[in-house]
N, C-alpha and C. Protein backbone atom coordinates (compact mmCIF):
# COMPACT_ATOMS: atom_id res chain seq x y z
N MET A 1 -9.40 39.50 2.68
CA MET A 1 -9.60 37.68 2.63
C MET A 1 -10.16 36.98 1.64
N ALA A 2 -10.41 36.18 1.42
CA ALA A 2 -11.06 35.12 0.49
C ALA A 2 -10.89 33.61 1.48
N ASP A 3 -11.74 33.39 1.90
CA ASP A 3 -11.93 32.12 2.25
C ASP A 3 -11.69 31.19 1.81
N VAL A 4 -10.65 30.00 2.79
CA VAL A 4 -10.20 29.10 1.47
C VAL A 4 -11.31 28.07 1.09
N VAL A 5 -11.47 27.24 0.50
CA VAL A 5 -13.13 25.91 0.40
C VAL A 5 -12.43 24.52 0.48
N ALA A 6 -12.82 24.17 1.70
CA ALA A 6 -11.74 22.38 1.25
C ALA A 6 -11.86 21.95 0.33
N LYS A 7 -10.93 21.24 -0.38
CA LYS A 7 -11.19 20.47 -1.31
C LYS A 7 -11.34 18.80 -0.48
N ASP A 8 -11.95 18.51 -1.52
CA ASP A 8 -11.74 16.78 -0.49
C ASP A 8 -11.64 15.94 -0.98
N ARG A 9 -10.28 15.35 -0.28
CA ARG A 9 -8.70 15.50 -1.61
C ARG A 9 -9.21 13.45 -1.60
N LYS A 10 -8.51 12.74 -2.20
CA LYS A 10 -8.75 11.32 -2.64
C LYS A 10 -6.80 11.07 -2.08
N ILE A 11 -6.97 10.50 -1.28
CA ILE A 11 -5.27 10.39 -0.60
C ILE A 11 -5.47 8.79 -0.52
N LEU A 12 -4.01 8.45 -1.70
CA LEU A 12 -3.96 7.02 -1.65
C LEU A 12 -2.69 5.98 -0.55
N VAL A 13 -2.70 5.49 -0.37
CA VAL A 13 -1.69 4.73 0.30
C VAL A 13 -1.51 3.45 -0.25
N ALA A 14 -0.07 3.10 -0.15
CA ALA A 14 -0.23 1.53 -0.66
C ALA A 14 0.53 1.11 0.48
N VAL A 15 -0.49 -0.08 0.62
CA VAL A 15 0.09 -1.23 2.00
C VAL A 15 0.97 -2.21 1.45
N ASP A 16 1.60 -3.25 2.97
CA ASP A 16 2.12 -4.30 2.16
C ASP A 16 2.51 -5.58 3.70
N GLU A 17 3.13 -5.93 3.46
CA GLU A 17 3.23 -6.88 5.23
C GLU A 17 4.93 -5.67 5.80
N GLY A 18 5.34 -5.37 5.22
CA GLY A 18 6.12 -4.58 5.73
C GLY A 18 6.12 -3.51 6.64
N GLU A 19 7.08 -3.31 7.03
CA GLU A 19 6.89 -1.97 8.49
C GLU A 19 6.89 -0.94 7.53
N GLU A 20 7.76 -0.79 6.21
CA GLU A 20 8.07 1.08 6.31
C GLU A 20 6.36 1.32 5.47
N SER A 21 6.02 0.50 4.61
CA SER A 21 4.71 1.20 4.35
C SER A 21 3.09 1.90 5.90
N MET A 22 3.69 0.44 6.57
CA MET A 22 2.79 1.43 7.85
C MET A 22 3.48 2.24 8.20
N TYR A 23 4.65 2.70 8.54
CA TYR A 23 5.62 4.15 9.08
C TYR A 23 4.32 5.13 7.59
N ALA A 24 4.65 4.91 6.95
CA ALA A 24 4.02 5.86 5.85
C ALA A 24 3.04 6.01 5.80
N LEU A 25 1.76 5.01 6.41
CA LEU A 25 0.15 5.31 6.73
C LEU A 25 0.60 6.03 7.89
N SER A 26 1.19 5.58 8.64
CA SER A 26 0.94 6.48 9.95
C SER A 26 1.81 7.97 9.63
N TRP A 27 2.57 7.70 9.13
CA TRP A 27 3.22 9.69 9.03
C TRP A 27 1.98 10.55 7.51
N CYS A 28 1.62 9.48 6.90
CA CYS A 28 -0.43 9.99 6.70
C CYS A 28 -1.01 10.57 7.01
N LEU A 29 -1.11 9.34 8.23
CA LEU A 29 -2.54 10.78 8.97
C LEU A 29 -2.17 11.32 10.02
N LYS A 30 -0.59 12.12 10.29
CA LYS A 30 -0.68 12.17 10.83
C LYS A 30 0.20 14.30 10.28
N ASN A 31 0.32 13.86 9.48
CA ASN A 31 0.68 15.16 8.59
C ASN A 31 -0.16 15.36 6.94
N ILE A 32 -0.82 14.02 7.12
CA ILE A 32 -1.62 14.89 5.39
C ILE A 32 -3.50 14.57 5.62
N ILE A 33 -3.17 14.16 6.34
CA ILE A 33 -5.11 13.46 5.98
C ILE A 33 -5.13 15.03 7.61
N SER A 34 -6.26 16.44 7.50
CA SER A 34 -7.23 16.52 8.05
C SER A 34 -8.11 16.12 8.27
N GLN A 35 -8.60 16.40 9.34
CA GLN A 35 -10.41 16.35 10.29
C GLN A 35 -11.34 17.37 9.73
N CYS A 36 -10.21 18.73 9.08
CA CYS A 36 -11.82 19.24 8.67
C CYS A 36 -12.09 19.37 7.09
N CYS A 37 -11.03 18.70 7.06
CA CYS A 37 -11.52 18.68 5.23
C CYS A 37 -11.87 17.12 5.41
N LYS A 38 -12.31 16.62 4.09
CA LYS A 38 -13.03 16.24 3.23
C LYS A 38 -12.01 14.82 2.75
N ASP A 39 -11.13 14.10 4.03
CA ASP A 39 -10.60 13.32 2.71
C ASP A 39 -11.44 11.87 2.40
N THR A 40 -10.89 11.49 1.57
CA THR A 40 -11.47 9.68 1.66
C THR A 40 -9.18 9.50 1.51
N LEU A 41 -9.43 7.72 2.51
CA LEU A 41 -8.27 7.72 2.30
C LEU A 41 -8.88 5.91 2.34
N PHE A 42 -8.16 6.20 1.06
CA PHE A 42 -8.20 4.65 -0.12
C PHE A 42 -6.57 4.08 0.48
N LEU A 43 -7.12 2.46 1.21
CA LEU A 43 -6.16 2.15 1.27
C LEU A 43 -5.66 0.22 0.76
N LEU A 44 -4.89 1.28 0.00
CA LEU A 44 -4.07 0.25 -1.21
C LEU A 44 -4.05 -1.46 -0.86
N TYR A 45 -3.77 -2.54 -1.43
CA TYR A 45 -2.82 -3.98 -0.99
C TYR A 45 -3.24 -4.68 -2.24
N VAL A 46 -2.17 -4.57 -2.37
CA VAL A 46 -1.73 -5.39 -4.05
C VAL A 46 -0.84 -7.30 -3.37
N ARG A 47 -2.34 -7.14 -3.52
CA ARG A 47 -1.69 -8.57 -3.66
C ARG A 47 -0.37 -9.85 -4.57
N SER A 48 0.15 -10.66 -4.57
CA SER A 48 1.23 -10.89 -5.92
C SER A 48 -0.19 -11.71 -7.09
N ALA A 49 0.59 -11.18 -8.14
CA ALA A 49 -0.45 -12.46 -9.39
C ALA A 49 -0.20 -13.92 -8.72
N GLN A 50 -1.67 -14.84 -8.59
CA GLN A 50 -1.57 -16.16 -9.13
C GLN A 50 0.53 -16.73 -8.99
N ALA A 51 0.97 -17.66 -8.17
CA ALA A 51 0.68 -17.92 -9.06
C ALA A 51 1.65 -19.58 -9.45
N PHE A 52 0.01 -19.79 -9.44
CA PHE A 52 -0.22 -21.30 -10.02
C PHE A 52 -1.13 -20.52 -11.24
N HIS A 53 -0.79 -20.18 -12.12
CA HIS A 53 -1.35 -19.69 -13.72
C HIS A 53 -2.00 -21.09 -14.13
N SER A 54 -1.27 -22.39 -13.78
CA SER A 54 -2.42 -23.47 -14.77
C SER A 54 -1.90 -24.72 -13.35
N SER A 55 -2.77 -25.36 -13.55
CA SER A 55 -2.64 -26.57 -12.55
C SER A 55 -1.36 -27.15 -12.63
N LEU A 56 -0.98 -27.20 -14.09
CA LEU A 56 0.97 -27.95 -14.00
C LEU A 56 1.78 -26.93 -13.98
N ASP A 57 2.54 -27.74 -12.90
CA ASP A 57 3.97 -26.99 -12.47
C ASP A 57 4.55 -27.01 -13.92
N GLY A 58 6.23 -26.69 -13.71
CA GLY A 58 7.43 -26.08 -14.09
C GLY A 58 7.55 -27.73 -14.09
N THR A 59 7.60 -28.68 -13.18
CA THR A 59 8.24 -30.18 -13.57
C THR A 59 7.11 -31.41 -14.05
N GLY A 60 6.33 -30.49 -14.71
CA GLY A 60 4.93 -31.37 -14.91
C GLY A 60 3.87 -31.85 -13.82
N TYR A 61 4.12 -31.85 -12.54
CA TYR A 61 2.64 -32.12 -11.81
C TYR A 61 1.84 -31.70 -11.37
N LEU A 62 1.19 -32.24 -11.27
CA LEU A 62 -0.99 -31.80 -11.27
C LEU A 62 -0.69 -31.16 -10.08
N PHE A 63 -1.79 -29.64 -9.87
CA PHE A 63 -1.86 -29.42 -8.36
C PHE A 63 -3.26 -29.66 -8.28
N SER A 64 -3.34 -29.80 -7.32
CA SER A 64 -5.70 -29.98 -7.18
C SER A 64 -5.70 -28.59 -7.32
N SER A 65 -6.57 -29.11 -7.26
CA SER A 65 -8.05 -27.65 -6.92
C SER A 65 -7.21 -27.51 -5.61
N ASP A 66 -7.94 -28.59 -4.55
CA ASP A 66 -7.85 -28.29 -2.73
C ASP A 66 -5.77 -27.11 -2.45
N VAL A 67 -4.65 -27.13 -3.29
CA VAL A 67 -3.90 -26.69 -3.06
C VAL A 67 -4.45 -24.98 -3.64
N LEU A 68 -4.56 -25.68 -5.15
CA LEU A 68 -5.34 -23.82 -5.07
C LEU A 68 -5.61 -23.07 -4.08
N ALA A 69 -7.00 -23.38 -3.93
CA ALA A 69 -8.26 -23.22 -2.66
C ALA A 69 -7.01 -23.07 -1.61
N THR A 70 -6.44 -23.88 -1.28
CA THR A 70 -4.88 -23.07 -0.09
C THR A 70 -4.38 -22.29 0.07
N VAL A 71 -3.94 -21.66 -1.73
CA VAL A 71 -2.55 -20.56 -1.87
C VAL A 71 -3.80 -20.01 -1.56
N ASP A 72 -5.26 -20.30 -2.09
CA ASP A 72 -5.65 -18.86 -2.97
C ASP A 72 -6.02 -17.71 -1.31
N LYS A 73 -7.10 -19.00 -0.46
CA LYS A 73 -7.29 -18.31 1.05
C LYS A 73 -5.99 -17.98 1.71
N TYR A 74 -4.77 -18.58 1.53
CA TYR A 74 -3.56 -17.87 1.83
C TYR A 74 -4.11 -16.21 2.16
N SER A 75 -4.03 -16.47 0.34
CA SER A 75 -3.78 -15.17 0.17
C SER A 75 -4.59 -13.88 -0.15
N ASN A 76 -6.26 -14.54 0.82
CA ASN A 76 -6.99 -13.31 0.73
C ASN A 76 -6.82 -12.98 2.55
N ASP A 77 -6.58 -14.32 3.46
CA ASP A 77 -6.20 -13.90 4.55
C ASP A 77 -5.68 -13.13 4.91
N VAL A 78 -3.91 -13.36 4.10
CA VAL A 78 -2.43 -12.13 3.61
C VAL A 78 -2.93 -10.67 3.64
N ALA A 79 -3.76 -10.40 2.56
CA ALA A 79 -4.74 -9.18 2.68
C ALA A 79 -5.53 -8.36 3.21
N ASN A 80 -6.41 -9.38 4.30
CA ASN A 80 -7.15 -8.93 4.87
C ASN A 80 -7.04 -8.62 6.91
N CYS A 81 -5.43 -9.07 6.81
CA CYS A 81 -4.66 -9.11 8.04
C CYS A 81 -4.22 -7.58 7.08
N ILE A 82 -3.40 -7.82 6.77
CA ILE A 82 -2.86 -5.72 6.77
C ILE A 82 -3.94 -5.03 6.64
N ILE A 83 -5.05 -5.68 5.39
CA ILE A 83 -5.68 -3.68 5.63
C ILE A 83 -6.31 -4.26 7.17
N GLU A 84 -6.50 -5.09 7.60
CA GLU A 84 -7.40 -4.51 9.34
C GLU A 84 -6.37 -3.87 9.97
N LYS A 85 -5.23 -4.52 10.22
CA LYS A 85 -4.00 -3.35 10.38
C LYS A 85 -3.86 -2.10 10.70
N ALA A 86 -3.64 -1.80 8.96
CA ALA A 86 -4.45 -0.43 8.87
C ALA A 86 -5.01 -0.37 8.75
N LYS A 87 -6.11 -0.50 9.41
CA LYS A 87 -7.87 0.78 9.26
C LYS A 87 -7.72 0.68 11.37
N ARG A 88 -7.30 -0.61 11.77
CA ARG A 88 -6.56 0.07 13.59
C ARG A 88 -6.06 1.02 13.65
N MET A 89 -4.50 1.26 12.60
CA MET A 89 -3.75 1.97 13.25
C MET A 89 -4.84 3.47 12.57
N CYS A 90 -5.62 3.40 11.03
CA CYS A 90 -6.76 5.06 11.38
C CYS A 90 -7.06 5.07 12.55
N ARG A 91 -8.21 3.92 13.62
CA ARG A 91 -8.89 4.68 14.30
C ARG A 91 -7.75 5.54 15.12
N GLU A 92 -6.34 4.56 15.54
CA GLU A 92 -5.88 4.41 16.63
C GLU A 92 -5.39 6.24 16.21
N LYS A 93 -5.04 5.94 15.65
CA LYS A 93 -4.49 8.09 15.73
C LYS A 93 -6.25 9.16 15.34
N GLY A 94 -6.54 8.37 15.31
CA GLY A 94 -7.88 9.87 16.03
C GLY A 94 -8.02 10.37 13.93
N ALA A 95 -8.15 8.91 13.22
CA ALA A 95 -8.65 9.40 11.58
C ALA A 95 -10.38 9.24 11.41
N ASP A 96 -11.45 9.43 12.47
CA ASP A 96 -12.78 9.35 12.67
C ASP A 96 -12.93 9.20 11.74
N GLU A 97 -13.40 10.95 11.81
CA GLU A 97 -13.45 10.88 10.51
C GLU A 97 -13.63 10.57 8.68
N VAL A 98 -12.49 10.86 9.11
CA VAL A 98 -11.76 10.05 7.00
C VAL A 98 -12.87 9.35 6.93
N LYS A 99 -12.82 9.59 5.96
CA LYS A 99 -13.57 8.22 5.24
C LYS A 99 -12.34 7.20 4.92
N VAL A 100 -12.46 5.76 5.14
CA VAL A 100 -11.36 5.09 4.61
C VAL A 100 -12.40 3.93 2.94
N GLU A 101 -11.42 3.71 2.55
CA GLU A 101 -12.40 2.96 1.70
C GLU A 101 -10.69 1.87 1.47
N VAL A 102 -10.94 0.18 0.58
CA VAL A 102 -10.61 -0.46 0.92
C VAL A 102 -10.54 -1.13 -0.39
N ILE A 103 -8.95 -1.33 -1.05
CA ILE A 103 -9.33 -1.75 -2.29
C ILE A 103 -8.24 -2.76 -2.44
N ILE A 104 -8.88 -3.95 -2.69
CA ILE A 104 -7.48 -5.41 -2.63
C ILE A 104 -7.82 -6.55 -4.62
N GLU A 105 -6.47 -5.42 -4.69
CA GLU A 105 -6.67 -6.19 -6.52
C GLU A 105 -5.24 -6.57 -5.99
N SER A 106 -5.02 -7.66 -7.15
CA SER A 106 -4.10 -8.28 -7.57
C SER A 106 -2.71 -8.68 -8.76
N GLY A 107 -2.18 -8.93 -9.43
CA GLY A 107 -1.08 -8.08 -9.67
C GLY A 107 0.11 -7.83 -9.12
N ASP A 108 0.39 -6.91 -10.97
CA ASP A 108 1.80 -6.34 -10.47
C ASP A 108 1.73 -5.49 -9.93
N PRO A 109 2.40 -5.60 -8.36
CA PRO A 109 2.02 -4.19 -7.56
C PRO A 109 2.68 -2.20 -8.02
N ARG A 110 3.74 -2.95 -9.25
CA ARG A 110 4.28 -1.91 -9.46
C ARG A 110 3.06 -1.33 -10.95
N ASP A 111 2.12 -2.29 -11.90
CA ASP A 111 1.17 -1.39 -12.58
C ASP A 111 -0.57 -1.83 -11.40
N VAL A 112 -0.85 -1.72 -10.46
CA VAL A 112 -1.91 -1.76 -10.03
C VAL A 112 -1.82 -0.66 -9.69
N ILE A 113 -0.73 0.16 -8.37
CA ILE A 113 -1.08 1.16 -7.84
C ILE A 113 -1.28 2.51 -9.30
N CYS A 114 -0.56 2.31 -10.66
CA CYS A 114 -0.52 3.11 -11.12
C CYS A 114 -1.24 2.97 -12.05
N ARG A 115 -2.41 2.21 -11.84
CA ARG A 115 -3.69 1.94 -12.69
C ARG A 115 -4.56 2.91 -11.54
N VAL A 116 -4.43 2.09 -10.36
CA VAL A 116 -6.30 2.62 -9.24
C VAL A 116 -6.03 4.20 -8.52
N ALA A 117 -4.52 4.33 -8.97
CA ALA A 117 -4.22 6.25 -8.53
C ALA A 117 -4.83 6.67 -10.16
N GLU A 118 -4.92 6.73 -11.25
CA GLU A 118 -5.62 6.42 -12.23
C GLU A 118 -7.08 6.78 -12.19
N ASN A 119 -7.45 4.75 -11.65
CA ASN A 119 -8.86 5.21 -11.53
C ASN A 119 -9.81 6.54 -11.56
N ILE A 120 -9.67 6.05 -9.86
CA ILE A 120 -9.95 7.41 -8.42
C ILE A 120 -9.22 8.44 -8.03
N ASN A 121 -9.11 9.27 -9.48
CA ASN A 121 -8.33 9.82 -9.33
C ASN A 121 -7.43 11.03 -8.60
N ALA A 122 -6.60 10.47 -7.61
CA ALA A 122 -6.30 10.51 -6.28
C ALA A 122 -5.77 12.09 -6.68
N ASP A 123 -5.36 12.48 -5.52
CA ASP A 123 -4.80 12.91 -5.53
C ASP A 123 -3.01 13.55 -5.10
N VAL A 124 -2.70 12.55 -4.56
CA VAL A 124 -1.21 11.99 -3.59
C VAL A 124 -1.31 10.66 -4.18
N LEU A 125 -0.48 9.45 -4.22
CA LEU A 125 0.24 9.40 -3.91
C LEU A 125 1.00 8.41 -2.45
N VAL A 126 1.15 7.73 -1.68
CA VAL A 126 2.07 7.49 -0.45
C VAL A 126 2.51 6.17 -0.52
N MET A 127 3.16 6.15 -0.08
CA MET A 127 3.67 4.99 -0.39
C MET A 127 5.32 4.32 0.30
N GLY A 128 5.63 3.61 1.01
CA GLY A 128 6.64 3.40 1.90
C GLY A 128 8.27 3.21 0.85
N SER A 129 9.47 3.80 1.69
CA SER A 129 9.87 3.07 0.04
C SER A 129 11.85 1.77 1.26
N HIS A 130 10.67 0.60 0.64
CA HIS A 130 12.30 -0.93 1.22
C HIS A 130 13.47 -0.30 1.63
N GLY A 131 13.69 0.69 1.11
CA GLY A 131 15.36 0.61 1.85
C GLY A 131 16.35 0.36 0.30
N TYR A 132 16.52 -0.64 -0.51
CA TYR A 132 16.65 -1.37 -1.28
C TYR A 132 17.99 -0.15 -1.70
N GLY A 133 19.06 -0.82 -2.01
CA GLY A 133 20.40 -1.04 -1.94
C GLY A 133 19.88 -0.53 -3.75
N LEU A 134 21.25 -0.76 -3.92
CA LEU A 134 21.07 -0.03 -5.74
C LEU A 134 21.09 -1.51 -6.03
N ILE A 135 22.50 -2.64 -6.03
CA ILE A 135 22.01 -3.66 -6.84
C ILE A 135 20.82 -4.57 -6.65
N GLN A 136 19.82 -4.38 -5.15
CA GLN A 136 18.24 -5.28 -5.04
C GLN A 136 17.68 -4.20 -6.14
N ARG A 137 17.82 -2.97 -6.25
CA ARG A 137 16.47 -2.19 -7.14
C ARG A 137 16.83 -2.56 -8.09
N ALA A 138 18.78 -2.80 -8.93
CA ALA A 138 18.29 -3.32 -10.33
C ALA A 138 18.01 -4.35 -10.68
N PHE A 139 18.09 -6.08 -9.35
CA PHE A 139 17.25 -6.75 -9.57
C PHE A 139 16.11 -6.83 -9.15
N LEU A 140 15.45 -6.32 -8.27
CA LEU A 140 13.76 -6.48 -8.53
C LEU A 140 13.27 -5.56 -8.34
N GLY A 141 13.54 -4.32 -8.65
CA GLY A 141 13.21 -2.21 -9.75
C GLY A 141 12.03 -2.55 -8.35
N SER A 142 12.09 -1.14 -8.61
CA SER A 142 11.66 0.19 -7.24
C SER A 142 10.11 0.15 -7.75
N VAL A 143 9.31 -0.49 -6.83
CA VAL A 143 7.83 0.10 -7.06
C VAL A 143 7.86 0.88 -6.99
N SER A 144 8.44 1.85 -6.07
CA SER A 144 8.20 3.27 -5.80
C SER A 144 8.70 4.15 -7.11
N ASN A 145 9.63 3.67 -7.09
CA ASN A 145 10.52 4.43 -8.65
C ASN A 145 9.93 4.63 -9.62
N HIS A 146 9.06 3.67 -9.81
CA HIS A 146 7.97 3.05 -11.05
C HIS A 146 6.79 3.27 -10.81
N CYS A 147 6.74 3.99 -9.53
CA CYS A 147 4.91 4.92 -9.84
C CYS A 147 5.35 6.45 -9.64
N ALA A 148 6.33 6.98 -9.18
CA ALA A 148 6.12 7.96 -9.49
C ALA A 148 6.98 8.43 -10.62
N GLN A 149 7.29 7.78 -11.77
CA GLN A 149 7.45 8.13 -13.46
C GLN A 149 6.81 8.05 -14.16
N ASN A 150 4.94 7.23 -13.17
CA ASN A 150 4.24 7.63 -14.10
C ASN A 150 2.89 7.64 -13.26
N VAL A 151 2.61 7.92 -12.94
CA VAL A 151 0.94 8.35 -12.09
C VAL A 151 1.27 9.79 -12.52
N LYS A 152 0.69 10.03 -12.02
CA LYS A 152 -0.22 11.99 -13.62
C LYS A 152 -0.32 12.60 -11.82
N CYS A 153 -0.19 12.06 -9.93
CA CYS A 153 -1.29 12.88 -8.96
C CYS A 153 0.51 12.42 -8.21
N PRO A 154 0.63 13.47 -7.38
CA PRO A 154 2.57 13.31 -6.44
C PRO A 154 1.95 12.40 -6.07
N VAL A 155 3.34 12.11 -6.01
CA VAL A 155 3.75 10.87 -5.46
C VAL A 155 5.26 10.84 -3.74
N LEU A 156 4.64 10.83 -2.77
CA LEU A 156 4.95 10.96 -1.61
C LEU A 156 5.73 10.05 -1.12
N ILE A 157 7.13 8.92 -0.88
CA ILE A 157 7.15 8.28 -0.75
C ILE A 157 8.03 9.10 0.34
N VAL A 158 7.31 7.59 1.30
CA VAL A 158 7.61 8.14 2.87
C VAL A 158 9.04 7.21 3.46
N LYS A 159 10.10 7.37 3.74
CA LYS A 159 11.39 7.17 3.88
C LYS A 159 10.93 6.52 5.65
N LYS A 160 11.30 4.53 6.12
CA LYS A 160 10.75 5.37 7.73
C LYS A 160 12.73 4.56 8.33
N PRO A 161 12.99 5.92 9.06
CA PRO A 161 13.81 6.92 9.88
C PRO A 161 14.51 5.21 10.17
N LYS A 162 15.82 4.89 10.10
CA LYS A 162 17.34 4.60 10.48
C LYS A 162 16.91 4.03 11.80
N SER A 163 16.97 3.64 13.06
CA SER A 163 16.49 4.06 14.36
C SER A 163 18.01 2.67 14.70
N SER A 164 18.60 2.97 15.69
CA SER A 164 19.04 1.22 16.63
C SER A 164 18.70 0.84 17.49
N SER A 165 18.42 0.06 17.57
CA SER A 165 17.93 -1.09 18.46
C SER A 165 18.33 -1.02 20.36
N SER A 166 19.17 -0.38 19.80
CA SER A 166 19.38 -0.49 21.34
C SER A 166 18.99 1.18 22.22
N ALA A 167 18.90 2.78 21.67
CA ALA A 167 18.29 3.64 21.39
C ALA A 167 16.84 3.56 21.84
N THR A 168 15.91 2.79 21.28
CA THR A 168 15.52 2.98 21.60
C THR A 168 14.65 1.65 22.15
N GLY A 169 15.74 0.18 22.57
CA GLY A 169 14.89 -0.38 23.05
C GLY A 169 13.88 -1.32 22.22
N THR A 170 14.07 -1.33 21.45
CA THR A 170 13.01 -1.87 20.31
C THR A 170 14.03 -2.64 18.57
N LYS A 171 13.52 -2.81 18.36
CA LYS A 171 13.86 -4.27 16.85
C LYS A 171 13.15 -3.22 16.24
């Protein structure tokens, strides 16, 4: 029997503020990441596109550079907080051997995730599902559905199990 050569895999995990993406990362660390392989885990956080493209808002009020700087700083702080939480989870789950790279970009998550998956030549894209119903998906669009239809690599959509707060003692 021939020895199987371990492939250096590139695993892209999209993370955001939702607990669904952190659950997907946790699931990935338990079920996909292999300590014997030279996997690289790419943590991708997509900041929403800058809400203030110009200094004039729709009502004609001028936004000062201080307001724009504050909004930008807040956006960066959120991104850093989410990435630190994800990196801490990687350490806690014993993924010390796994190389972790961070990518923070701005734009429409659907487009950015697809572009990054292609740019890094990802072997698999892992993402959480927010579990929107039919109406919400129709209005908001489904990022995971869009990515599943448009990326070239396999897409693993991890759904967080529904649990009752009385059964687990947590919310």
